[in-house]
C-alpha atoms as a PDB file:
ATOM      1  CA  MET A   1     -88.921 -28.076   6.668  1.00  0.00           C
ATOM      2  CA  ASN A   2     -87.268 -25.491   4.415  1.00  0.00           C
ATOM      3  CA  TYR A   3     -88.534 -22.107   5.606  1.00  0.00           C
ATOM      4  CA  LYS A   4     -86.791 -20.191   2.805  1.00  0.00           C
ATOM      5  CA  LYS A   5     -88.750 -22.126   0.154  1.00  0.00           C
ATOM      6  CA  ILE A   6     -91.972 -21.726   2.141  1.00  0.00           C
ATOM      7  CA  THR A   7     -91.400 -17.982   2.553  1.00  0.00           C
ATOM      8  CA  LYS A   8     -90.725 -17.522  -1.165  1.00  0.00           C
ATOM      9  CA  ALA A   9     -93.800 -19.549  -2.119  1.00  0.00           C
ATOM     10  CA  LEU A  10     -95.934 -17.562   0.326  1.00  0.00           C
ATOM     11  CA  ALA A  11     -94.813 -14.234  -1.069  1.00  0.00           C
ATOM     12  CA  GLN A  12     -95.704 -15.369  -4.564  1.00  0.00           C
ATOM     13  CA  LYS A  13     -99.134 -16.742  -3.582  1.00  0.00           C
ATOM     14  CA  LEU A  14    -100.222 -13.766  -1.548  1.00  0.00           C
ATOM     15  CA  ALA A  15     -99.314 -10.936  -3.917  1.00  0.00           C
ATOM     16  CA  LYS A  16    -102.434  -8.748  -3.812  1.00  0.00           C
ATOM     17  CA  THR A  17    -103.204  -5.107  -3.116  1.00  0.00           C
ATOM     18  CA  ALA A  18    -102.117  -5.708   0.438  1.00  0.00           C
ATOM     19  CA  LEU A  19     -99.571  -8.507   0.643  1.00  0.00           C
ATOM     20  CA  LEU A  20    -100.149 -10.689   3.674  1.00  0.00           C
ATOM     21  CA  THR A  21     -97.597 -13.348   4.396  1.00  0.00           C
ATOM     22  CA  LEU A  22     -97.385 -15.947   7.060  1.00  0.00           C
ATOM     23  CA  MET A  23     -94.731 -18.216   8.313  1.00  0.00           C
ATOM     24  CA  ALA A  24     -95.829 -20.631  10.971  1.00  0.00           C
ATOM     25  CA  THR A  25     -93.626 -21.971  13.650  1.00  0.00           C
ATOM     26  CA  SER A  26     -94.198 -23.624  16.941  1.00  0.00           C
ATOM     27  CA  VAL A  27     -92.607 -22.323  20.083  1.00  0.00           C
ATOM     28  CA  CYS A  28     -89.838 -24.745  20.932  1.00  0.00           C
ATOM     29  CA  SER A  29     -88.908 -25.597  24.476  1.00  0.00           C
ATOM     30  CA  ALA A  30     -88.365 -28.775  26.387  1.00  0.00           C
ATOM     31  CA  SER A  31     -90.962 -28.167  29.044  1.00  0.00           C
ATOM     32  CA  PHE A  32     -94.641 -27.584  29.459  1.00  0.00           C
ATOM     33  CA  ALA A  33     -96.620 -25.079  31.481  1.00  0.00           C
ATOM     34  CA  GLN A  34     -99.876 -25.363  33.362  1.00  0.00           C
ATOM     35  CA  ALA A  35    -102.817 -23.487  31.908  1.00  0.00           C
ATOM     36  CA  LYS A  36    -104.487 -20.973  34.193  1.00  0.00           C
ATOM     37  CA  THR A  37    -108.003 -22.324  33.764  1.00  0.00           C
ATOM     38  CA  ASP A  38    -107.417 -26.048  33.307  1.00  0.00           C
ATOM     39  CA  ASP A  39    -105.627 -28.755  35.272  1.00  0.00           C
ATOM     40  CA  GLU A  40    -104.251 -30.386  32.136  1.00  0.00           C
ATOM     41  CA  PRO A  41    -100.786 -29.324  30.971  1.00  0.00           C
ATOM     42  CA  VAL A  42    -100.207 -27.215  27.893  1.00  0.00           C
ATOM     43  CA  TYR A  43     -97.256 -28.538  25.905  1.00  0.00           C
ATOM     44  CA  THR A  44     -94.913 -26.467  23.798  1.00  0.00           C
ATOM     45  CA  THR A  45     -93.022 -29.422  22.356  1.00  0.00           C
ATOM     46  CA  VAL A  46     -94.836 -32.587  21.312  1.00  0.00           C
ATOM     47  CA  GLU A  47     -94.215 -35.650  19.182  1.00  0.00           C
ATOM     48  CA  LYS A  48     -96.918 -34.634  16.724  1.00  0.00           C
ATOM     49  CA  LEU A  49     -97.742 -30.935  16.245  1.00  0.00           C
ATOM     50  CA  PRO A  50    -101.306 -29.693  15.780  1.00  0.00           C
ATOM     51  CA  ARG A  51    -102.361 -29.332  12.154  1.00  0.00           C
ATOM     52  CA  PHE A  52    -104.692 -26.949  10.389  1.00  0.00           C
ATOM     53  CA  PRO A  53    -107.175 -28.636   7.993  1.00  0.00           C
ATOM     54  CA  GLY A  54    -105.298 -28.818   4.703  1.00  0.00           C
ATOM     55  CA  ASP A  55    -101.943 -28.448   6.446  1.00  0.00           C
ATOM     56  CA  MET A  56     -99.924 -25.259   6.082  1.00  0.00           C
ATOM     57  CA  SER A  57    -101.196 -24.545   2.572  1.00  0.00           C
ATOM     58  CA  GLY A  58    -104.755 -24.701   3.942  1.00  0.00           C
ATOM     59  CA  PHE A  59    -103.820 -22.279   6.715  1.00  0.00           C
ATOM     60  CA  ILE A  60    -102.265 -19.880   4.218  1.00  0.00           C
ATOM     61  CA  GLN A  61    -105.387 -20.053   2.071  1.00  0.00           C
ATOM     62  CA  TYR A  62    -107.567 -19.442   5.140  1.00  0.00           C
ATOM     63  CA  LEU A  63    -105.545 -16.336   6.016  1.00  0.00           C
ATOM     64  CA  LYS A  64    -105.549 -15.134   2.416  1.00  0.00           C
ATOM     65  CA  GLU A  65    -109.354 -15.325   2.327  1.00  0.00           C
ATOM     66  CA  ASN A  66    -110.095 -14.034   5.818  1.00  0.00           C
ATOM     67  CA  LEU A  67    -107.347 -11.642   6.917  1.00  0.00           C
ATOM     68  CA  LYS A  68    -108.235  -8.049   6.058  1.00  0.00           C
ATOM     69  CA  TYR A  69    -105.584  -5.339   6.111  1.00  0.00           C
ATOM     70  CA  PRO A  70    -106.870  -2.751   8.619  1.00  0.00           C
ATOM     71  CA  GLU A  71    -107.870   0.480   6.887  1.00  0.00           C
ATOM     72  CA  ALA A  72    -106.258   2.632   9.593  1.00  0.00           C
ATOM     73  CA  ALA A  73    -102.959   0.815   9.024  1.00  0.00           C
ATOM     74  CA  LYS A  74    -103.253   1.260   5.250  1.00  0.00           C
ATOM     75  CA  LYS A  75    -103.813   5.009   5.636  1.00  0.00           C
ATOM     76  CA  VAL A  76    -100.573   5.471   7.573  1.00  0.00           C
ATOM     77  CA  LYS A  77     -98.767   2.774   5.559  1.00  0.00           C
ATOM     78  CA  LYS A  78     -98.166   0.720   8.681  1.00  0.00           C
ATOM     79  CA  GLU A  79     -96.556  -2.662   8.122  1.00  0.00           C
ATOM     80  CA  GLY A  80     -95.281  -5.180  10.584  1.00  0.00           C
ATOM     81  CA  ARG A  81     -95.446  -8.574  12.195  1.00  0.00           C
ATOM     82  CA  VAL A  82     -97.850  -9.718  14.877  1.00  0.00           C
ATOM     83  CA  ASN A  83     -96.806 -12.842  16.764  1.00  0.00           C
ATOM     84  CA  VAL A  84    -100.028 -14.574  17.760  1.00  0.00           C
ATOM     85  CA  THR A  85     -99.941 -17.362  20.330  1.00  0.00           C
ATOM     86  CA  PHE A  86    -102.802 -19.715  21.103  1.00  0.00           C
ATOM     87  CA  ILE A  87    -103.644 -23.121  22.488  1.00  0.00           C
ATOM     88  CA  VAL A  88    -104.876 -25.914  20.244  1.00  0.00           C
ATOM     89  CA  GLU A  89    -107.119 -27.912  22.551  1.00  0.00           C
ATOM     90  CA  LYS A  90    -107.531 -31.696  22.515  1.00  0.00           C
ATOM     91  CA  ASP A  91    -110.737 -31.279  20.480  1.00  0.00           C
ATOM     92  CA  GLY A  92    -108.949 -29.020  17.957  1.00  0.00           C
ATOM     93  CA  SER A  93    -110.575 -25.789  19.127  1.00  0.00           C
ATOM     94  CA  ILE A  94    -108.489 -22.636  19.547  1.00  0.00           C
ATOM     95  CA  THR A  95    -108.312 -20.882  22.936  1.00  0.00           C
ATOM     96  CA  ASP A  96    -106.186 -18.318  24.801  1.00  0.00           C
ATOM     97  CA  VAL A  97    -105.441 -16.256  21.670  1.00  0.00           C
ATOM     98  CA  HIS A  98    -103.288 -13.173  22.145  1.00  0.00           C
ATOM     99  CA  SER A  99    -100.312 -11.347  20.689  1.00  0.00           C
ATOM    100  CA  VAL A 100     -96.845 -11.566  22.184  1.00  0.00           C
ATOM    101  CA  GLY A 101     -93.635  -9.602  21.838  1.00  0.00           C
ATOM    102  CA  ARG A 102     -93.367  -6.313  19.998  1.00  0.00           C
ATOM    103  CA  ILE A 103     -96.867  -5.176  19.198  1.00  0.00           C
ATOM    104  CA  GLU A 104     -98.082  -3.223  16.179  1.00  0.00           C
ATOM    105  CA  PRO A 105    -101.337  -1.802  17.640  1.00  0.00           C
ATOM    106  CA  LEU A 106    -103.011  -1.114  14.301  1.00  0.00           C
ATOM    107  CA  LEU A 107    -102.462  -4.728  13.213  1.00  0.00           C
ATOM    108  CA  VAL A 108    -102.956  -6.765  16.406  1.00  0.00           C
ATOM    109  CA  ASP A 109    -106.753  -6.863  16.518  1.00  0.00           C
ATOM    110  CA  GLU A 110    -107.055  -8.236  12.987  1.00  0.00           C
ATOM    111  CA  ALA A 111    -104.381 -10.894  13.461  1.00  0.00           C
ATOM    112  CA  VAL A 112    -105.998 -12.068  16.719  1.00  0.00           C
ATOM    113  CA  ARG A 113    -109.497 -11.957  15.208  1.00  0.00           C
ATOM    114  CA  VAL A 114    -108.655 -14.197  12.273  1.00  0.00           C
ATOM    115  CA  ILE A 115    -106.907 -16.768  14.494  1.00  0.00           C
ATOM    116  CA  LYS A 116    -109.879 -16.821  16.904  1.00  0.00           C
ATOM    117  CA  ALA A 117    -112.215 -17.456  13.961  1.00  0.00           C
ATOM    118  CA  SER A 118    -110.085 -20.348  12.714  1.00  0.00           C
ATOM    119  CA  PRO A 119    -111.785 -23.684  12.073  1.00  0.00           C
ATOM    120  CA  ARG A 120    -110.876 -26.615  14.308  1.00  0.00           C
ATOM    121  CA  TRP A 121    -107.389 -28.012  13.960  1.00  0.00           C
ATOM    122  CA  THR A 122    -106.251 -31.607  14.345  1.00  0.00           C
ATOM    123  CA  ALA A 123    -104.930 -31.818  17.897  1.00  0.00           C
ATOM    124  CA  GLY A 124    -101.301 -32.455  18.682  1.00  0.00           C
ATOM    125  CA  SER A 125    -100.281 -35.628  20.464  1.00  0.00           C
ATOM    126  CA  GLN A 126     -97.741 -36.903  22.935  1.00  0.00           C
ATOM    127  CA  ASP A 127     -97.218 -40.606  23.694  1.00  0.00           C
ATOM    128  CA  GLY A 128    -100.131 -41.402  21.372  1.00  0.00           C
ATOM    129  CA  LYS A 129    -102.605 -39.243  23.332  1.00  0.00           C
ATOM    130  CA  LYS A 130    -104.177 -35.948  22.282  1.00  0.00           C
ATOM    131  CA  VAL A 131    -102.801 -33.044  24.303  1.00  0.00           C
ATOM    132  CA  ARG A 132    -103.208 -29.296  24.572  1.00  0.00           C
ATOM    133  CA  VAL A 133    -100.455 -27.480  22.644  1.00  0.00           C
ATOM    134  CA  ARG A 134     -99.343 -23.845  22.714  1.00  0.00           C
ATOM    135  CA  TYR A 135     -98.661 -22.693  19.150  1.00  0.00           C
ATOM    136  CA  THR A 136     -97.298 -19.390  17.889  1.00  0.00           C
ATOM    137  CA  VAL A 137     -97.515 -17.968  14.381  1.00  0.00           C
ATOM    138  CA  PRO A 138     -96.011 -14.698  13.157  1.00  0.00           C
ATOM    139  CA  VAL A 139     -98.482 -12.924  10.865  1.00  0.00           C
ATOM    140  CA  VAL A 140     -96.731 -10.431   8.614  1.00  0.00           C
ATOM    141  CA  PHE A 141     -98.607  -7.479   7.147  1.00  0.00           C
ATOM    142  CA  ALA A 142     -96.885  -5.817   4.170  1.00  0.00           C
ATOM    143  CA  LEU A 143     -98.377  -3.344   1.706  1.00  0.00           C
ATOM    144  CA  LYS A 144     -97.675  -4.013  -1.942  1.00  0.00           C
ATOM    145  CA  SER A 145     -95.458  -1.313  -3.445  1.00  0.00           C
END
């Protein structure tokens, strides 16, 4: 996957009053961790990654239509990236949504809200079986100059 081409295409598609761009990436590691509330493992690397309906272009469109630049952030011209991590369950539902890493407080709530409201994904799979997968997407908020 060519992230430079994707990034350029995203910037062009999302040029609005408040430019919102997204690059999606999965967290890569060779192991899996146990979820706190479930006995089934949560994978970070799988043979087949979870997919948003309509693939990445569908996810970008979903964000474009549903992500709202927080007014408080606009007022102080706050821009930044919110890394949002979540689990795509075996039924495609989204759980355990939260931000990770450096946090932009004025932007976090909106990034988390829109991911929580996401429609069901197609579950990831390992050895031909649906599995729970931890997924992380950086959501970038940038005001148009």
